[in-house]
Amino acid sequence: MPQAWQPASKERHFDASGYFSNRTIVALTTPPGGALCGVRISGPAAMEIGSRLGALQFTREDHRRARRVWIRDGSGAHLDECILLPFFSPHSFTGEDSIELFLHGSPMIAQRVLEECFVHGARLALPGEFSFRAVKNGKLQLSQAEAVKELIAADNDFSLELALEKLAGSQHELVKRVHGDLLQLCTLSEAGIDFSDQDLEEVSLPRLKERLRLVVSSLEALRGSFDRGRRFRDGIPVCIFGLPNAGKSSFFNSLLGEDRSIVSEIAGTTRDVVRERINLRGEAGQVAFRLSDTAGLRVSSDLVEGLGIERSIQAARESDLVVVVIDGLNSNLEELKTQFEMVPCEGKQVVLVVSKADLLSQDARESAHAAVRASFGIDPLFVSSRSLEGVKEVAAKMADLASTLLRRGRGEVVLTQVEHVRAVESSLQILERASGAFDLVLFASDVRHAMNALGPLTGETLPDDVLGKIFSDFCIGK
């Protein structure tokens, strides 16, 4: 979402207490310039400000009752005719008294309404401050608030579906269950310490370690989900790979629909890896990719070109999908195969593309198909970057192959945040120590520390500065 309008003198409306301020806040909830523009006011003075703007008096019976009103400034001049909707605490997004205004989309109207709110004591909301207050007041869990940010940023079907499930609470429920299991282990182990003289089997160290293994298994599954989560968030890494002058950059530009890479008949034009993000649609939906156009592979005495070739091979190794572009006029399959064998392809998806199809006769196509099939064991697709023949088919093939890397069970939780996987890894390291503990006191201490280490997922035990950093990455108005 584009950044909302901000007043020129931002410092005038700043509160040193930041996210932990109790002042009434206001911000645009939609970008100005469209048909409608939303404004949210939240905090102790929200109803008073709404009353002054609309010359209204609110009672709790007005909760969620929309009104079409003229709002005015302090001199009585009209600002706009809009829809005004009051929400009384705790039944609002933030859990506070709130006013929602739906204005006409003029940026000038939005500016004047915000300025009038400032006159009445509101300040401009910080990025994500509405969501922060929703978490602070128990209206959202931290993982759900973060899902709001992911929902806004979602640009493909897979990331959208995952963000919606997180917003519905799937991640919170799983983490809550794991946290509850650890809490129960803490309770049992501490009971075992208190009643150590009674030799109770249920709270013995071997029995508790047995129960701990189930918790560790759940956390290991969470940790293992992050690789897929990174693909949801950042896109599938794809390397466009081949010999010099095979048509890699032309194909790269054709996929993007723009001249992003320099194209030349001179071999070795591409010296470095050129990266772009793109969405492609397949049968399973829209998939995000991180495309890498790479230098042509050959033996070169040029130092700069040699470094580019090394980066090309590294990009192929780090990719989940490799698109091998083969020159339809001069395939040189033996050399290409030698270069391609330098890339470990186990677990990777591979697409073979024969370029310059517009210059090939039917006999030449059949011959090239047979030769490529014999060398690589895969049927190639034919493309022309001039006529765009076959480009859509290759894009759909890439999307279908990549979607297999993103498949997950309904409701399966996938971690997408680096801070979350680090918290899980930290917890697992502590639990590994607990698994080797020879004493109930040490076991209980480790389990409690492991439980606290999950703070970035649960929202508990997080210091204020960490919470502030999380929400500072949101956009203003959320």
Protein backbone atom coordinates (compact mmCIF):
# COMPACT_ATOMS: atom_id res chain seq x y z
CA MET A 1 0.00 0.00 0.00
CA PRO A 2 1.41 3.44 -0.86
CA GLN A 3 2.58 5.54 2.04
CA ALA A 4 -0.23 7.70 3.42
CA TRP A 5 -0.03 11.50 3.37
CA GLN A 6 1.94 13.00 6.23
CA PRO A 7 1.96 16.60 7.44
CA ALA A 8 4.99 18.72 6.55
CA SER A 9 5.73 19.42 10.20
CA LYS A 10 5.68 15.83 11.41
CA GLU A 11 7.56 16.65 14.63
CA ARG A 12 4.64 18.79 15.74
CA HIS A 13 2.48 15.69 16.04
CA PHE A 14 5.07 13.33 17.53
CA ASP A 15 4.81 11.64 20.94
CA ALA A 16 8.09 10.56 22.56
CA SER A 17 6.42 7.51 24.13
CA GLY A 18 5.93 6.12 20.61
CA TYR A 19 3.93 2.91 20.33
CA PHE A 20 3.19 2.91 24.06
CA SER A 21 1.50 6.32 23.91
CA ASN A 22 -2.10 6.54 25.13
CA ARG A 23 -2.87 9.54 22.94
CA THR A 24 -5.57 9.47 20.31
CA ILE A 25 -4.13 8.65 16.90
CA VAL A 26 -5.33 9.22 13.35
CA ALA A 27 -4.19 8.11 9.89
CA LEU A 28 -5.44 7.36 6.41
CA THR A 29 -6.39 3.71 5.99
CA THR A 30 -6.44 3.95 2.19
CA PRO A 31 -4.23 5.90 -0.21
CA PRO A 32 -5.76 9.24 -1.27
CA GLY A 33 -6.61 9.79 -4.91
CA GLY A 34 -9.13 6.98 -5.44
CA ALA A 35 -12.92 7.14 -5.36
CA LEU A 36 -12.98 6.91 -1.55
CA CYS A 37 -10.47 7.62 1.20
CA GLY A 38 -10.65 6.06 4.67
CA VAL A 39 -9.58 7.78 7.89
CA ARG A 40 -9.37 6.01 11.26
CA ILE A 41 -9.32 7.83 14.62
CA SER A 42 -8.61 5.69 17.68
CA GLY A 43 -8.06 6.45 21.34
CA PRO A 44 -9.61 8.14 24.36
CA ALA A 45 -10.64 11.30 22.49
CA ALA A 46 -11.93 9.58 19.33
CA MET A 47 -15.62 10.11 20.11
CA GLU A 48 -15.05 13.74 21.05
CA ILE A 49 -13.18 14.41 17.81
CA GLY A 50 -15.87 12.62 15.80
CA SER A 51 -18.55 14.67 17.56
CA ARG A 52 -16.78 17.94 16.76
CA LEU A 53 -16.18 17.02 13.14
CA GLY A 54 -19.76 15.93 12.51
CA ALA A 55 -21.60 18.16 15.03
CA LEU A 56 -23.01 14.97 16.60
CA GLN A 57 -23.47 13.46 20.02
CA PHE A 58 -22.79 9.73 20.39
CA THR A 59 -24.27 7.21 22.81
CA ARG A 60 -23.40 3.53 22.99
CA GLU A 61 -26.57 2.82 20.99
CA ASP A 62 -24.78 4.47 18.04
CA HIS A 63 -22.14 1.70 18.00
CA ARG A 64 -21.56 0.63 14.37
CA ARG A 65 -24.37 2.89 13.15
CA ALA A 66 -23.26 4.53 9.91
CA ARG A 67 -24.30 8.13 9.29
CA ARG A 68 -24.03 10.30 6.20
CA VAL A 69 -22.89 13.67 7.53
CA TRP A 70 -21.16 16.89 6.60
CA ILE A 71 -17.94 17.33 8.55
CA ARG A 72 -16.66 20.82 9.27
CA ASP A 73 -13.57 22.56 10.56
CA GLY A 74 -13.45 24.76 13.67
CA SER A 75 -14.81 27.78 11.77
CA GLY A 76 -17.80 25.80 10.52
CA ALA A 77 -16.55 25.53 6.93
CA HIS A 78 -17.46 22.32 5.11
CA LEU A 79 -14.63 19.77 4.72
CA ASP A 80 -16.59 16.97 3.02
CA GLU A 81 -19.83 15.01 3.00
CA CYS A 82 -18.88 11.52 4.17
CA ILE A 83 -19.93 8.33 5.95
CA LEU A 84 -19.09 8.35 9.67
CA LEU A 85 -19.05 5.09 11.62
CA PRO A 86 -18.42 4.98 15.42
CA PHE A 87 -17.07 1.92 17.30
CA PHE A 88 -17.17 1.87 21.09
CA SER A 89 -14.51 0.09 23.16
CA PRO A 90 -13.85 -2.82 23.27
CA HIS A 91 -15.72 -3.66 20.05
CA SER A 92 -13.39 -2.07 17.52
CA PHE A 93 -10.29 -3.14 15.59
CA THR A 94 -7.98 -1.59 18.18
CA GLY A 95 -10.16 -2.36 21.21
CA GLU A 96 -10.44 1.40 21.83
CA ASP A 97 -13.12 3.96 21.00
CA SER A 98 -12.74 4.52 17.26
CA ILE A 99 -14.22 6.57 14.45
CA GLU A 100 -14.05 5.49 10.81
CA LEU A 101 -14.56 8.17 8.16
CA PHE A 102 -15.11 7.38 4.47
CA LEU A 103 -14.35 10.52 2.49
CA HIS A 104 -14.29 11.38 -1.18
CA GLY A 105 -10.85 10.50 -2.49
CA SER A 106 -9.37 13.96 -3.00
CA PRO A 107 -5.92 14.29 -1.39
CA MET A 108 -6.83 17.87 -0.42
CA ILE A 109 -9.88 16.65 1.54
CA ALA A 110 -7.75 14.01 3.29
CA GLN A 111 -5.13 16.61 4.21
CA ARG A 112 -7.69 19.04 5.65
CA VAL A 113 -9.46 16.34 7.68
CA LEU A 114 -6.18 15.11 9.18
CA GLU A 115 -5.13 18.66 10.02
CA GLU A 116 -8.47 19.23 11.77
CA CYS A 117 -7.94 16.04 13.81
CA PHE A 118 -4.53 17.38 14.85
CA VAL A 119 -6.17 20.62 15.97
CA HIS A 120 -8.44 18.58 18.28
CA GLY A 121 -5.48 16.79 19.90
CA ALA A 122 -4.92 13.66 17.80
CA ARG A 123 -1.48 12.78 16.47
CA LEU A 124 -0.45 10.95 13.32
CA ALA A 125 -0.34 7.19 13.88
CA LEU A 126 3.03 5.47 13.62
CA PRO A 127 3.45 2.65 11.07
CA GLY A 128 1.38 -0.32 12.25
CA GLU A 129 0.19 1.48 15.37
CA PHE A 130 -3.46 0.51 14.94
CA SER A 131 -2.39 -3.16 14.73
CA PHE A 132 -0.06 -2.65 17.70
CA ARG A 133 -2.95 -1.39 19.81
CA ALA A 134 -5.11 -4.30 18.64
CA VAL A 135 -2.43 -6.70 19.95
CA LYS A 136 -1.91 -4.73 23.16
CA ASN A 137 -5.67 -4.77 23.86
CA GLY A 138 -6.13 -8.47 23.08
CA LYS A 139 -8.04 -8.01 19.82
CA LEU A 140 -5.33 -9.72 17.75
CA GLN A 141 -2.52 -12.15 18.48
CA LEU A 142 0.94 -11.04 17.38
CA SER A 143 1.01 -13.66 14.59
CA GLN A 144 -2.36 -12.39 13.31
CA ALA A 145 -1.12 -8.79 13.29
CA GLU A 146 1.93 -9.89 11.29
CA ALA A 147 -0.46 -11.73 8.96
CA VAL A 148 -2.14 -8.37 8.25
CA LYS A 149 1.19 -7.09 6.93
CA GLU A 150 1.73 -10.26 4.87
CA LEU A 151 -1.82 -10.02 3.52
CA ILE A 152 -1.16 -6.49 2.26
CA ALA A 153 2.14 -7.57 0.68
CA ALA A 154 0.75 -10.80 -0.86
CA ASP A 155 1.25 -10.74 -4.63
CA ASN A 156 0.47 -14.33 -5.59
CA ASP A 157 -2.18 -16.96 -4.82
CA PHE A 158 0.03 -19.04 -2.53
CA SER A 159 1.19 -16.18 -0.28
CA LEU A 160 -2.39 -14.80 -0.14
CA GLU A 161 -3.83 -18.13 1.00
CA LEU A 162 -1.14 -18.54 3.65
CA ALA A 163 -1.63 -14.99 4.98
CA LEU A 164 -5.41 -15.52 5.24
CA GLU A 165 -4.93 -18.73 7.21
CA LYS A 166 -2.49 -16.99 9.57
CA LEU A 167 -4.96 -14.15 10.02
CA ALA A 168 -7.60 -16.75 10.91
CA GLY A 169 -5.27 -17.95 13.68
CA SER A 170 -3.74 -21.20 12.36
CA GLN A 171 -0.17 -20.33 13.40
CA HIS A 172 -1.30 -18.96 16.76
CA GLU A 173 -3.22 -22.14 17.57
CA LEU A 174 -0.24 -24.38 16.82
CA VAL A 175 2.20 -22.22 18.76
CA LYS A 176 -0.30 -21.93 21.62
CA ARG A 177 -0.51 -25.73 21.79
CA VAL A 178 3.29 -26.14 21.81
CA HIS A 179 3.62 -23.38 24.40
CA GLY A 180 0.94 -25.09 26.52
CA ASP A 181 2.76 -28.44 26.30
CA LEU A 182 5.98 -26.81 27.47
CA LEU A 183 4.14 -25.06 30.30
CA GLN A 184 2.68 -28.38 31.40
CA LEU A 185 6.13 -29.95 31.34
CA CYS A 186 7.38 -27.07 33.52
CA THR A 187 4.55 -27.65 35.98
CA LEU A 188 5.10 -31.42 36.12
CA SER A 189 8.87 -31.14 36.47
CA GLU A 190 8.52 -28.60 39.28
CA ALA A 191 5.99 -30.89 40.96
CA GLY A 192 8.52 -33.70 40.62
CA ILE A 193 11.07 -31.55 42.42
CA ASP A 194 8.62 -30.82 45.24
CA PHE A 195 7.66 -34.48 45.65
CA SER A 196 11.00 -36.06 44.82
CA ASP A 197 10.85 -38.20 47.96
CA GLN A 198 7.65 -39.95 46.81
CA ASP A 199 9.06 -41.53 43.62
CA LEU A 200 6.06 -40.67 41.37
CA GLU A 201 6.40 -42.24 37.91
CA GLU A 202 4.30 -39.53 36.20
CA VAL A 203 6.78 -36.78 37.11
CA SER A 204 9.94 -38.82 36.79
CA LEU A 205 12.71 -37.46 34.55
CA PRO A 206 12.52 -40.36 32.00
CA ARG A 207 8.76 -39.93 31.61
CA LEU A 208 9.05 -36.17 31.19
CA LYS A 209 11.78 -36.57 28.57
CA GLU A 210 9.51 -38.96 26.68
CA ARG A 211 6.77 -36.31 26.59
CA LEU A 212 9.33 -33.70 25.56
CA ARG A 213 10.11 -35.63 22.38
CA LEU A 214 6.61 -34.92 21.04
CA VAL A 215 7.09 -31.18 21.57
CA VAL A 216 10.50 -31.29 19.90
CA SER A 217 8.95 -33.08 16.91
CA SER A 218 6.37 -30.28 16.46
CA LEU A 219 9.05 -27.59 16.68
CA GLU A 220 11.30 -29.42 14.20
CA ALA A 221 8.41 -29.52 11.71
CA LEU A 222 7.96 -25.77 12.18
CA ARG A 223 11.67 -25.15 11.63
CA GLY A 224 11.62 -27.30 8.50
CA SER A 225 8.74 -25.30 7.04
CA PHE A 226 10.79 -22.12 6.73
CA ASP A 227 12.42 -23.03 3.41
CA ARG A 228 8.97 -23.21 1.85
CA GLY A 229 7.92 -20.11 3.76
CA ARG A 230 10.80 -18.19 2.22
CA ARG A 231 9.54 -19.19 -1.22
CA PHE A 232 6.04 -17.97 -0.31
CA ARG A 233 7.49 -14.66 0.85
CA ASP A 234 10.30 -14.01 -1.65
CA GLY A 235 9.37 -16.17 -4.64
CA ILE A 236 10.87 -19.29 -6.24
CA PRO A 237 14.53 -18.70 -7.22
CA VAL A 238 15.01 -19.38 -10.94
CA CYS A 239 18.25 -19.37 -12.91
CA ILE A 240 18.27 -18.84 -16.70
CA PHE A 241 21.32 -20.85 -17.75
CA GLY A 242 23.14 -21.53 -21.02
CA LEU A 243 26.05 -20.88 -23.37
CA PRO A 244 26.90 -17.40 -24.74
CA ASN A 245 24.51 -16.00 -27.37
CA ALA A 246 21.94 -18.74 -26.72
CA GLY A 247 19.20 -16.12 -26.25
CA LYS A 248 19.05 -16.13 -22.44
CA SER A 249 18.71 -12.37 -22.03
CA SER A 250 16.16 -12.14 -24.85
CA PHE A 251 14.09 -14.86 -23.20
CA PHE A 252 14.48 -13.14 -19.81
CA ASN A 253 13.19 -9.87 -21.32
CA SER A 254 10.32 -11.71 -23.03
CA LEU A 255 9.15 -13.20 -19.72
CA LEU A 256 9.29 -9.77 -18.05
CA GLY A 257 7.68 -7.96 -20.98
CA GLU A 258 10.41 -5.31 -20.91
CA ASP A 259 14.05 -4.81 -21.94
CA ARG A 260 15.65 -5.43 -18.56
CA SER A 261 18.84 -7.19 -19.75
CA ILE A 262 21.12 -5.83 -22.49
CA VAL A 263 20.88 -7.95 -25.64
CA SER A 264 23.72 -8.06 -28.16
CA GLU A 265 25.14 -10.42 -30.78
CA ILE A 266 28.52 -10.05 -29.06
CA ALA A 267 29.23 -13.15 -26.94
CA GLY A 268 29.77 -12.39 -23.26
CA THR A 269 27.60 -9.24 -23.16
CA THR A 270 26.00 -10.30 -19.87
CA ARG A 271 28.80 -10.10 -17.28
CA ASP A 272 26.85 -10.27 -14.02
CA VAL A 273 23.66 -11.82 -12.69
CA VAL A 274 20.60 -9.63 -13.43
CA ARG A 275 17.68 -10.29 -11.08
CA GLU A 276 13.98 -9.44 -11.29
CA ARG A 277 10.80 -10.59 -9.55
CA ILE A 278 7.80 -11.73 -11.60
CA ASN A 279 4.48 -13.53 -11.13
CA LEU A 280 3.50 -16.30 -13.54
CA ARG A 281 0.19 -18.18 -13.67
CA GLY A 282 -0.14 -21.94 -13.86
CA GLU A 283 -2.96 -24.42 -13.25
CA ALA A 284 -2.50 -24.22 -9.46
CA GLY A 285 -2.60 -20.40 -9.43
CA GLN A 286 -0.23 -17.47 -9.61
CA VAL A 287 3.36 -18.13 -8.48
CA ALA A 288 6.06 -15.57 -7.61
CA PHE A 289 9.56 -16.04 -9.05
CA ARG A 290 12.95 -14.44 -8.55
CA LEU A 291 14.50 -14.65 -12.01
CA SER A 292 18.26 -14.54 -12.52
CA ASP A 293 19.65 -13.88 -15.99
CA THR A 294 23.21 -15.15 -15.98
CA ALA A 295 26.42 -14.84 -17.98
CA GLY A 296 26.96 -17.34 -20.80
CA LEU A 297 29.09 -20.32 -19.81
CA ARG A 298 32.42 -20.78 -21.58
CA VAL A 299 36.15 -20.85 -20.88
CA SER A 300 37.27 -17.21 -20.79
CA SER A 301 40.56 -15.45 -20.08
CA ASP A 302 38.69 -12.20 -19.33
CA LEU A 303 38.81 -11.71 -15.54
CA VAL A 304 35.45 -9.87 -15.31
CA GLU A 305 33.65 -12.35 -17.57
CA GLY A 306 35.18 -15.21 -15.57
CA LEU A 307 33.75 -13.79 -12.34
CA GLY A 308 30.36 -13.50 -14.05
CA ILE A 309 30.51 -17.15 -15.09
CA GLU A 310 31.33 -18.20 -11.53
CA ARG A 311 28.31 -16.25 -10.33
CA SER A 312 26.17 -17.93 -13.00
CA ILE A 313 27.07 -21.38 -11.70
CA GLN A 314 26.48 -20.25 -8.12
CA ALA A 315 23.06 -18.82 -9.06
CA ALA A 316 22.13 -22.14 -10.67
CA ARG A 317 23.19 -24.04 -7.57
CA GLU A 318 21.07 -21.78 -5.34
CA SER A 319 17.97 -21.99 -7.56
CA ASP A 320 15.00 -24.31 -7.23
CA LEU A 321 14.28 -24.18 -10.93
CA VAL A 322 16.81 -23.97 -13.78
CA VAL A 323 15.74 -22.87 -17.25
CA VAL A 324 18.36 -24.06 -19.73
CA VAL A 325 18.26 -21.98 -22.93
CA ILE A 326 19.63 -23.78 -26.00
CA ASP A 327 20.53 -21.95 -29.22
CA GLY A 328 18.25 -23.37 -31.91
CA LEU A 329 20.75 -22.44 -34.65
CA ASN A 330 23.93 -23.63 -32.93
CA SER A 331 23.06 -25.87 -29.98
CA ASN A 332 26.58 -27.14 -29.13
CA LEU A 333 24.96 -29.69 -26.81
CA GLU A 334 28.17 -31.43 -25.75
CA GLU A 335 29.70 -28.26 -24.33
CA LEU A 336 26.38 -27.25 -22.72
CA LYS A 337 26.03 -30.65 -21.09
CA THR A 338 29.60 -30.39 -19.73
CA GLN A 339 28.83 -27.00 -18.18
CA PHE A 340 25.45 -28.13 -16.87
CA GLU A 341 27.01 -31.11 -15.08
CA MET A 342 28.76 -28.61 -12.80
CA VAL A 343 25.36 -27.82 -11.25
CA PRO A 344 23.97 -30.40 -8.78
CA CYS A 345 20.38 -30.80 -9.99
CA GLU A 346 19.08 -33.21 -7.37
CA GLY A 347 15.80 -31.80 -6.07
CA LYS A 348 15.70 -29.07 -8.74
CA GLN A 349 13.13 -28.62 -11.47
CA VAL A 350 14.60 -28.22 -14.97
CA VAL A 351 13.01 -26.71 -18.08
CA LEU A 352 14.76 -26.94 -21.46
CA VAL A 353 14.05 -24.11 -23.92
CA VAL A 354 15.18 -24.05 -27.57
CA SER A 355 15.43 -20.42 -28.66
CA LYS A 356 15.14 -18.66 -32.05
CA ALA A 357 12.24 -20.89 -33.05
CA ASP A 358 11.08 -18.36 -35.68
CA LEU A 359 14.28 -19.13 -37.66
CA LEU A 360 13.85 -22.93 -37.59
CA SER A 361 12.13 -25.04 -40.22
CA GLN A 362 9.91 -27.92 -39.17
CA ASP A 363 12.67 -30.41 -40.00
CA ALA A 364 15.18 -28.37 -37.95
CA ARG A 365 12.77 -28.34 -34.99
CA GLU A 366 12.29 -32.09 -35.10
CA SER A 367 16.04 -32.62 -35.32
CA ALA A 368 16.71 -30.26 -32.41
CA HIS A 369 13.99 -31.92 -30.33
CA ALA A 370 15.49 -35.36 -30.87
CA ALA A 371 19.05 -34.18 -30.10
CA VAL A 372 18.06 -32.37 -26.88
CA ARG A 373 15.95 -35.32 -25.76
CA ALA A 374 18.87 -37.70 -26.36
CA SER A 375 21.33 -35.48 -24.42
CA PHE A 376 19.20 -34.46 -21.41
CA GLY A 377 16.34 -36.95 -21.29
CA ILE A 378 13.80 -34.09 -21.22
CA ASP A 379 11.50 -32.81 -23.98
CA PRO A 380 12.31 -29.16 -24.80
CA LEU A 381 9.92 -26.28 -25.49
CA PHE A 382 10.49 -23.98 -28.46
CA VAL A 383 10.38 -20.17 -28.11
CA SER A 384 10.97 -17.07 -30.14
CA SER A 385 11.72 -13.85 -28.32
CA ARG A 386 10.88 -11.89 -31.48
CA SER A 387 7.43 -13.33 -32.18
CA LEU A 388 6.89 -14.42 -28.51
CA GLU A 389 5.97 -17.88 -29.76
CA GLY A 390 6.06 -20.38 -26.89
CA VAL A 391 6.81 -17.81 -24.15
CA LYS A 392 3.40 -18.26 -22.50
CA GLU A 393 3.77 -22.02 -22.63
CA VAL A 394 7.19 -21.88 -20.93
CA ALA A 395 5.79 -19.50 -18.28
CA ALA A 396 2.90 -21.87 -17.57
CA LYS A 397 5.31 -24.84 -17.40
CA MET A 398 7.52 -22.98 -14.91
CA ALA A 399 4.51 -22.09 -12.75
CA ASP A 400 3.22 -25.67 -12.73
CA LEU A 401 6.61 -27.12 -11.78
CA ALA A 402 7.21 -24.48 -9.11
CA SER A 403 3.78 -24.95 -7.52
CA THR A 404 4.86 -28.43 -6.40
CA LEU A 405 7.46 -26.73 -4.18
CA LEU A 406 4.74 -24.67 -2.50
CA ARG A 407 2.16 -27.37 -1.87
CA ARG A 408 1.06 -27.88 1.72
CA GLY A 409 -1.74 -29.54 3.59
CA ARG A 410 -4.85 -27.55 4.44
CA GLY A 411 -4.13 -25.59 7.61
CA GLU A 412 -0.46 -26.65 7.68
CA VAL A 413 1.53 -23.91 9.39
CA VAL A 414 4.49 -22.52 7.44
CA LEU A 415 6.90 -20.02 8.97
CA THR A 416 7.73 -17.01 6.78
CA GLN A 417 9.52 -14.69 9.23
CA VAL A 418 13.26 -14.98 9.93
CA GLU A 419 12.67 -13.94 13.57
CA HIS A 420 10.19 -16.79 14.00
CA VAL A 421 12.47 -19.52 12.72
CA ARG A 422 15.31 -18.15 14.85
CA ALA A 423 13.04 -18.35 17.90
CA VAL A 424 12.18 -21.97 17.08
CA GLU A 425 15.86 -22.84 16.56
CA SER A 426 16.77 -21.20 19.87
CA SER A 427 14.03 -23.13 21.65
CA LEU A 428 15.16 -26.40 20.07
CA GLN A 429 18.77 -25.83 21.14
CA ILE A 430 17.65 -25.34 24.74
CA LEU A 431 15.38 -28.40 24.59
CA GLU A 432 18.27 -30.47 23.27
CA ARG A 433 20.12 -29.53 26.44
CA ALA A 434 17.01 -30.41 28.48
CA SER A 435 16.90 -33.84 26.82
CA GLY A 436 20.39 -34.55 28.20
CA ALA A 437 19.70 -33.15 31.68
CA PHE A 438 20.52 -35.55 34.52
CA ASP A 439 18.57 -33.63 37.12
CA LEU A 440 14.93 -32.46 37.34
CA VAL A 441 15.99 -28.97 38.44
CA LEU A 442 18.11 -28.50 35.32
CA PHE A 443 15.39 -30.03 33.14
CA ALA A 444 12.73 -27.66 34.54
CA SER A 445 14.97 -24.63 34.07
CA ASP A 446 15.77 -25.51 30.45
CA VAL A 447 12.13 -26.16 29.54
CA ARG A 448 11.09 -22.79 30.97
CA HIS A 449 13.86 -21.02 29.04
CA ALA A 450 12.82 -22.84 25.86
CA MET A 451 9.25 -21.69 26.41
CA ASN A 452 10.37 -18.08 26.82
CA ALA A 453 12.48 -18.35 23.66
CA LEU A 454 9.24 -18.69 21.65
CA GLY A 455 8.34 -15.10 22.59
CA PRO A 456 8.58 -13.75 18.99
CA LEU A 457 5.84 -16.23 17.98
CA THR A 458 3.62 -15.92 21.05
CA GLY A 459 4.06 -12.19 21.62
CA GLU A 460 4.83 -12.88 25.29
CA THR A 461 8.07 -11.91 27.07
CA LEU A 462 9.09 -9.61 24.22
CA PRO A 463 10.80 -6.35 25.25
CA ASP A 464 9.19 -3.09 24.17
CA ASP A 465 11.91 -2.19 21.66
CA VAL A 466 11.46 -5.53 19.85
CA LEU A 467 7.68 -5.03 19.63
CA GLY A 468 8.24 -1.53 18.30
CA LYS A 469 10.63 -2.82 15.64
CA ILE A 470 8.12 -5.44 14.49
CA PHE A 471 5.39 -2.87 13.90
CA SER A 472 7.68 -0.21 12.45
CA ASP A 473 7.86 -2.35 9.29
CA PHE A 474 4.11 -1.97 8.73
CA CYS A 475 2.64 0.78 6.57
CA ILE A 476 0.97 3.80 8.14
CA GLY A 477 -2.77 3.25 8.60
CA LYS A 478 -2.52 -0.42 9.60
